[in-house]
Protein backbone atom coordinates (compact mmCIF):
# COMPACT_ATOMS: atom_id res chain seq x y z
CA MET A 1 -1.24 0.09 -14.27
CA LEU A 2 1.00 -2.93 -14.24
CA SER A 3 -0.67 -6.21 -13.45
CA HIS A 4 -0.06 -8.25 -10.32
CA SER A 5 2.47 -10.98 -11.05
CA SER A 6 2.23 -14.52 -9.71
CA GLN A 7 5.96 -15.15 -10.20
CA GLN A 8 8.04 -16.09 -7.15
CA ARG A 9 9.31 -12.84 -5.61
CA THR A 10 11.27 -11.84 -2.56
CA ALA A 11 9.17 -10.35 0.23
CA LYS A 12 9.65 -6.61 0.57
CA VAL A 13 8.15 -3.58 2.23
CA TYR A 14 7.89 -0.40 0.15
CA LEU A 15 7.09 3.07 1.46
CA VAL A 16 5.23 4.90 -1.31
CA GLY A 17 3.95 8.48 -1.38
CA ALA A 18 0.49 9.08 -2.82
CA GLY A 19 1.29 12.66 -3.74
CA PRO A 20 -1.40 15.35 -3.56
CA GLY A 21 -4.21 12.90 -4.32
CA ASP A 22 -4.37 13.02 -8.11
CA PRO A 23 -3.11 9.71 -9.53
CA ASP A 24 -1.76 11.54 -12.59
CA LEU A 25 0.72 13.30 -10.28
CA MET A 26 2.16 10.11 -8.77
CA THR A 27 5.56 8.99 -9.96
CA VAL A 28 5.82 6.16 -12.46
CA ARG A 29 7.77 4.20 -9.85
CA ALA A 30 4.99 4.66 -7.26
CA VAL A 31 2.36 3.31 -9.66
CA ARG A 32 4.67 0.46 -10.70
CA THR A 33 5.26 -0.47 -7.06
CA LEU A 34 1.51 -0.61 -6.40
CA GLY A 35 1.39 -3.15 -9.24
CA LEU A 36 3.82 -5.39 -7.34
CA ALA A 37 1.89 -5.37 -4.08
CA ASP A 38 0.20 -8.29 -2.37
CA VAL A 39 -0.89 -6.03 0.51
CA VAL A 40 -1.38 -2.24 0.69
CA LEU A 41 -1.65 -0.46 4.05
CA HIS A 42 -2.83 3.10 3.39
CA ASP A 43 -3.52 6.33 5.23
CA ALA A 44 -7.06 7.64 5.50
CA LEU A 45 -6.20 10.66 3.35
CA VAL A 46 -5.24 8.63 0.27
CA SER A 47 -7.81 9.51 -2.40
CA ALA A 48 -10.26 7.03 -3.89
CA GLU A 49 -8.70 7.73 -7.30
CA VAL A 50 -5.28 6.60 -6.05
CA LEU A 51 -6.77 3.54 -4.35
CA ALA A 52 -8.45 2.64 -7.67
CA LEU A 53 -4.95 2.00 -9.09
CA ILE A 54 -4.61 -1.05 -6.81
CA SER A 55 -5.50 -4.43 -8.29
CA PRO A 56 -8.71 -5.95 -6.88
CA HIS A 57 -6.65 -9.05 -6.01
CA VAL A 58 -4.58 -7.09 -3.48
CA GLN A 59 -5.45 -6.99 0.22
CA VAL A 60 -6.04 -3.31 1.11
CA MET A 61 -6.20 -2.02 4.68
CA ASN A 62 -6.92 1.52 5.89
CA VAL A 63 -4.52 2.14 8.79
CA GLY A 64 -4.80 5.91 8.92
CA LYS A 65 -6.10 8.62 11.20
CA ARG A 66 -9.16 10.83 10.74
CA CYS A 67 -9.79 13.92 12.86
CA GLY A 68 -7.05 12.86 15.27
CA ARG A 69 -8.61 9.43 15.85
CA LYS A 70 -6.31 6.52 15.10
CA SER A 71 -7.75 3.33 13.70
CA ILE A 72 -4.51 1.55 14.61
CA THR A 73 -1.29 2.48 16.42
CA GLN A 74 2.08 2.87 14.71
CA ASP A 75 3.36 -0.16 16.61
CA GLU A 76 0.44 -2.19 15.22
CA ILE A 77 1.17 -0.92 11.70
CA ASN A 78 4.82 -1.94 12.11
CA GLU A 79 3.72 -5.39 13.26
CA LEU A 80 1.45 -5.77 10.19
CA LEU A 81 4.34 -4.77 7.91
CA ARG A 82 6.59 -7.32 9.61
CA ARG A 83 3.97 -10.09 9.62
CA PHE A 84 2.94 -9.72 5.97
CA SER A 85 6.51 -9.43 4.70
CA SER A 86 7.77 -12.33 6.81
CA SER A 87 5.08 -14.51 5.23
CA GLY A 88 6.63 -13.78 1.83
CA GLN A 89 4.32 -10.99 0.66
CA VAL A 90 5.18 -7.70 -1.01
CA VAL A 91 3.76 -4.92 1.16
CA VAL A 92 3.22 -1.26 0.25
CA ARG A 93 2.74 1.35 2.95
CA LEU A 94 0.94 4.10 1.05
């Protein structure tokens, strides 16, 4: 995994697929993008193995659904994406 960089970067929001749950099946670009993240907002179904690819210095938030129960609405997720990116952070929606 690529390390988190402290260089000045432009804030961005990336939409990244976690694949079928096995980190070996994720694209190189997906893993590289996780290495750029300051914040990761992930679905509940993302496997622990995939989440383990995220640097411990990154803020990670579970924003997914389980058994039809939402922990957060889509509008709230959109607001988090906007708020984190507008503060200059690189955000990954996994």
